[in-house]
Amino acid sequence: MAATVEDYVLTADRENTVRSYASALKHFEEVWKGLLPTTGKNVARYLVEHATIYKLSTMRLHLAALSRWHADNGFPDPTRAQIVLKVLRGIKSKHARPQRRARPLQLEVLESVSNALRPCWNWCAKLQCAAWPVRQSDQ
């Protein structure tokens, strides 16, 4: 059976992305009472009203959902309006907290893991297992 364009379009987005976008659009329409299609000024107001409630990453997700909805329905993208971009920069400047970073993996730990997996690599190589790439130096 030959795949169609629609088959690929329907599988282009991950299920989690679809759910996240649907939730963001629901919030915009039902909770905030915004109308779609919308304008850049309305999107800017939406951002301002949520600047202290949501993290910047959440607001960017909401912008992505609004942008996608407008693109999918043939409307101009209000999230690219200058007012929206300026408000977003202002929110980032005023409210954004630095992202927490994971501690770097120490070389000793990485070497320990590598050494612990070496028998697995050798065993898998004997079985000619494609799941475990074995370098010549490991044999």
C-alpha atoms as a PDB file:
ATOM      1  CA  MET A   1       0.000   0.000   0.000  1.00  0.00           C
ATOM      2  CA  ALA A   2       1.455   3.350  -1.037  1.00  0.00           C
ATOM      3  CA  ALA A   3       1.672   6.094   1.557  1.00  0.00           C
ATOM      4  CA  THR A   4      -0.123   9.335   0.861  1.00  0.00           C
ATOM      5  CA  VAL A   5       0.804  12.894   1.690  1.00  0.00           C
ATOM      6  CA  GLU A   6      -1.924  12.869   4.343  1.00  0.00           C
ATOM      7  CA  ASP A   7      -0.351   9.803   6.013  1.00  0.00           C
ATOM      8  CA  TYR A   8       2.912  11.661   6.481  1.00  0.00           C
ATOM      9  CA  VAL A   9       1.252  14.905   7.523  1.00  0.00           C
ATOM     10  CA  LEU A  10      -0.738  13.097  10.205  1.00  0.00           C
ATOM     11  CA  THR A  11       2.389  11.455  11.623  1.00  0.00           C
ATOM     12  CA  ALA A  12       4.607  14.554  11.386  1.00  0.00           C
ATOM     13  CA  ASP A  13       3.899  15.714  14.926  1.00  0.00           C
ATOM     14  CA  ARG A  14       4.476  13.687  18.043  1.00  0.00           C
ATOM     15  CA  GLU A  15       1.437  12.883  20.160  1.00  0.00           C
ATOM     16  CA  ASN A  16       2.808  14.943  23.042  1.00  0.00           C
ATOM     17  CA  THR A  17       3.235  17.993  20.782  1.00  0.00           C
ATOM     18  CA  VAL A  18      -0.327  17.683  19.536  1.00  0.00           C
ATOM     19  CA  ARG A  19      -1.614  17.456  23.125  1.00  0.00           C
ATOM     20  CA  SER A  20       0.499  20.394  24.287  1.00  0.00           C
ATOM     21  CA  TYR A  21      -0.635  22.603  21.407  1.00  0.00           C
ATOM     22  CA  ALA A  22      -4.284  21.646  21.963  1.00  0.00           C
ATOM     23  CA  SER A  23      -3.984  22.506  25.639  1.00  0.00           C
ATOM     24  CA  ALA A  24      -2.361  25.874  24.857  1.00  0.00           C
ATOM     25  CA  LEU A  25      -5.071  26.749  22.332  1.00  0.00           C
ATOM     26  CA  LYS A  26      -7.784  25.682  24.774  1.00  0.00           C
ATOM     27  CA  HIS A  27      -6.277  27.952  27.406  1.00  0.00           C
ATOM     28  CA  PHE A  28      -6.103  30.864  24.973  1.00  0.00           C
ATOM     29  CA  GLU A  29      -9.717  30.444  23.844  1.00  0.00           C
ATOM     30  CA  GLU A  30     -11.580  29.114  26.869  1.00  0.00           C
ATOM     31  CA  VAL A  31      -9.688  30.383  29.882  1.00  0.00           C
ATOM     32  CA  TRP A  32      -8.385  33.696  28.542  1.00  0.00           C
ATOM     33  CA  LYS A  33     -11.407  34.125  26.213  1.00  0.00           C
ATOM     34  CA  GLY A  34      -9.238  34.937  23.186  1.00  0.00           C
ATOM     35  CA  LEU A  35     -10.649  34.610  19.690  1.00  0.00           C
ATOM     36  CA  LEU A  36      -8.988  32.806  16.803  1.00  0.00           C
ATOM     37  CA  PRO A  37      -7.780  34.073  14.448  1.00  0.00           C
ATOM     38  CA  THR A  38      -6.172  36.756  16.555  1.00  0.00           C
ATOM     39  CA  THR A  39      -3.915  39.775  16.187  1.00  0.00           C
ATOM     40  CA  GLY A  40      -0.418  40.597  17.343  1.00  0.00           C
ATOM     41  CA  LYS A  41      -1.816  43.072  19.880  1.00  0.00           C
ATOM     42  CA  ASN A  42      -4.001  40.379  21.440  1.00  0.00           C
ATOM     43  CA  VAL A  43      -1.082  37.959  21.595  1.00  0.00           C
ATOM     44  CA  ALA A  44       1.042  40.655  23.261  1.00  0.00           C
ATOM     45  CA  ARG A  45      -1.716  41.274  25.851  1.00  0.00           C
ATOM     46  CA  TYR A  46      -1.948  37.523  26.468  1.00  0.00           C
ATOM     47  CA  LEU A  47       1.799  37.367  27.115  1.00  0.00           C
ATOM     48  CA  VAL A  48       1.742  40.371  29.445  1.00  0.00           C
ATOM     49  CA  GLU A  49      -1.117  38.945  31.490  1.00  0.00           C
ATOM     50  CA  HIS A  50       0.742  35.661  31.935  1.00  0.00           C
ATOM     51  CA  ALA A  51       4.284  37.020  32.336  1.00  0.00           C
ATOM     52  CA  THR A  52       4.397  36.368  36.078  1.00  0.00           C
ATOM     53  CA  ILE A  53       2.359  33.159  35.966  1.00  0.00           C
ATOM     54  CA  TYR A  54       4.135  31.043  33.353  1.00  0.00           C
ATOM     55  CA  LYS A  55       7.753  30.300  32.678  1.00  0.00           C
ATOM     56  CA  LEU A  56       9.192  31.692  29.480  1.00  0.00           C
ATOM     57  CA  SER A  57       9.361  28.193  27.985  1.00  0.00           C
ATOM     58  CA  THR A  58       5.615  27.719  28.553  1.00  0.00           C
ATOM     59  CA  MET A  59       4.824  31.035  26.893  1.00  0.00           C
ATOM     60  CA  ARG A  60       6.990  30.056  23.932  1.00  0.00           C
ATOM     61  CA  LEU A  61       5.035  26.807  23.668  1.00  0.00           C
ATOM     62  CA  HIS A  62       1.784  28.800  23.627  1.00  0.00           C
ATOM     63  CA  LEU A  63       3.206  31.050  20.911  1.00  0.00           C
ATOM     64  CA  ALA A  64       4.196  28.004  18.866  1.00  0.00           C
ATOM     65  CA  ALA A  65       0.668  26.607  19.186  1.00  0.00           C
ATOM     66  CA  LEU A  66      -0.881  29.915  18.097  1.00  0.00           C
ATOM     67  CA  SER A  67       1.557  30.192  15.221  1.00  0.00           C
ATOM     68  CA  ARG A  68       0.801  26.651  14.038  1.00  0.00           C
ATOM     69  CA  TRP A  69      -2.965  27.205  14.262  1.00  0.00           C
ATOM     70  CA  HIS A  70      -2.736  30.315  12.110  1.00  0.00           C
ATOM     71  CA  ALA A  71      -0.460  28.623   9.555  1.00  0.00           C
ATOM     72  CA  ASP A  72      -2.657  25.522   9.363  1.00  0.00           C
ATOM     73  CA  ASN A  73      -5.757  27.639   8.812  1.00  0.00           C
ATOM     74  CA  GLY A  74      -4.271  30.033   6.259  1.00  0.00           C
ATOM     75  CA  PHE A  75      -4.039  33.135   8.428  1.00  0.00           C
ATOM     76  CA  PRO A  76      -1.068  35.466   8.927  1.00  0.00           C
ATOM     77  CA  ASP A  77       1.040  34.599  11.958  1.00  0.00           C
ATOM     78  CA  PRO A  78       0.389  37.156  14.727  1.00  0.00           C
ATOM     79  CA  THR A  79       3.193  35.739  16.878  1.00  0.00           C
ATOM     80  CA  ARG A  80       5.748  37.311  14.516  1.00  0.00           C
ATOM     81  CA  ALA A  81       4.388  40.827  14.963  1.00  0.00           C
ATOM     82  CA  GLN A  82       6.979  43.305  16.241  1.00  0.00           C
ATOM     83  CA  ILE A  83       4.908  44.073  19.333  1.00  0.00           C
ATOM     84  CA  VAL A  84       4.858  40.376  20.295  1.00  0.00           C
ATOM     85  CA  LEU A  85       8.603  39.990  19.793  1.00  0.00           C
ATOM     86  CA  LYS A  86       9.331  43.116  21.843  1.00  0.00           C
ATOM     87  CA  VAL A  87       7.005  42.058  24.663  1.00  0.00           C
ATOM     88  CA  LEU A  88       8.620  38.617  24.720  1.00  0.00           C
ATOM     89  CA  ARG A  89      12.098  40.179  24.926  1.00  0.00           C
ATOM     90  CA  GLY A  90      10.889  42.442  27.743  1.00  0.00           C
ATOM     91  CA  ILE A  91       9.432  39.500  29.657  1.00  0.00           C
ATOM     92  CA  LYS A  92      12.660  37.582  29.208  1.00  0.00           C
ATOM     93  CA  SER A  93      14.655  40.560  30.435  1.00  0.00           C
ATOM     94  CA  LYS A  94      12.426  41.246  33.428  1.00  0.00           C
ATOM     95  CA  HIS A  95      11.220  37.817  34.588  1.00  0.00           C
ATOM     96  CA  ALA A  96      13.315  35.025  33.126  1.00  0.00           C
ATOM     97  CA  ARG A  97      15.284  32.912  35.544  1.00  0.00           C
ATOM     98  CA  PRO A  98      18.424  31.158  34.390  1.00  0.00           C
ATOM     99  CA  GLN A  99      17.731  27.603  33.361  1.00  0.00           C
ATOM    100  CA  ARG A 100      18.938  25.031  35.843  1.00  0.00           C
ATOM    101  CA  ARG A 101      21.771  23.016  34.417  1.00  0.00           C
ATOM    102  CA  ALA A 102      22.640  19.452  35.148  1.00  0.00           C
ATOM    103  CA  ARG A 103      26.021  18.834  36.672  1.00  0.00           C
ATOM    104  CA  PRO A 104      28.494  17.671  34.036  1.00  0.00           C
ATOM    105  CA  LEU A 105      29.239  13.981  33.825  1.00  0.00           C
ATOM    106  CA  GLN A 106      32.656  13.353  35.363  1.00  0.00           C
ATOM    107  CA  LEU A 107      35.223  11.565  33.218  1.00  0.00           C
ATOM    108  CA  GLU A 108      35.796   8.924  35.901  1.00  0.00           C
ATOM    109  CA  VAL A 109      32.085   8.027  35.898  1.00  0.00           C
ATOM    110  CA  LEU A 110      32.006   7.835  32.099  1.00  0.00           C
ATOM    111  CA  GLU A 111      35.090   5.585  32.076  1.00  0.00           C
ATOM    112  CA  SER A 112      33.511   3.383  34.759  1.00  0.00           C
ATOM    113  CA  VAL A 113      30.323   2.974  32.706  1.00  0.00           C
ATOM    114  CA  SER A 114      32.340   2.287  29.562  1.00  0.00           C
ATOM    115  CA  ASN A 115      34.418  -0.364  31.347  1.00  0.00           C
ATOM    116  CA  ALA A 116      31.311  -1.962  32.823  1.00  0.00           C
ATOM    117  CA  LEU A 117      29.739  -2.217  29.367  1.00  0.00           C
ATOM    118  CA  ARG A 118      32.861  -3.613  27.670  1.00  0.00           C
ATOM    119  CA  PRO A 119      31.890  -7.283  28.363  1.00  0.00           C
ATOM    120  CA  CYS A 120      28.474  -6.599  26.864  1.00  0.00           C
ATOM    121  CA  TRP A 121      30.070  -5.157  23.743  1.00  0.00           C
ATOM    122  CA  ASN A 122      32.357  -8.162  23.380  1.00  0.00           C
ATOM    123  CA  TRP A 123      29.493 -10.621  23.949  1.00  0.00           C
ATOM    124  CA  CYS A 124      27.283  -8.790  21.474  1.00  0.00           C
ATOM    125  CA  ALA A 125      30.086  -8.654  18.924  1.00  0.00           C
ATOM    126  CA  LYS A 126      30.357 -12.427  19.100  1.00  0.00           C
ATOM    127  CA  LEU A 127      26.646 -12.632  18.283  1.00  0.00           C
ATOM    128  CA  GLN A 128      27.112 -10.042  15.530  1.00  0.00           C
ATOM    129  CA  CYS A 129      24.494  -7.859  17.124  1.00  0.00           C
ATOM    130  CA  ALA A 130      23.849  -4.675  15.171  1.00  0.00           C
ATOM    131  CA  ALA A 131      22.467  -2.930  18.261  1.00  0.00           C
ATOM    132  CA  TRP A 132      25.897  -2.607  19.863  1.00  0.00           C
ATOM    133  CA  PRO A 133      28.478  -0.931  17.653  1.00  0.00           C
ATOM    134  CA  VAL A 134      31.886  -2.379  18.428  1.00  0.00           C
ATOM    135  CA  ARG A 135      35.054  -0.585  17.449  1.00  0.00           C
ATOM    136  CA  GLN A 136      38.083  -2.559  16.351  1.00  0.00           C
ATOM    137  CA  SER A 137      39.966  -1.241  19.389  1.00  0.00           C
ATOM    138  CA  ASP A 138      37.384  -2.848  21.709  1.00  0.00           C
ATOM    139  CA  GLN A 139      37.869  -6.386  20.407  1.00  0.00           C
END
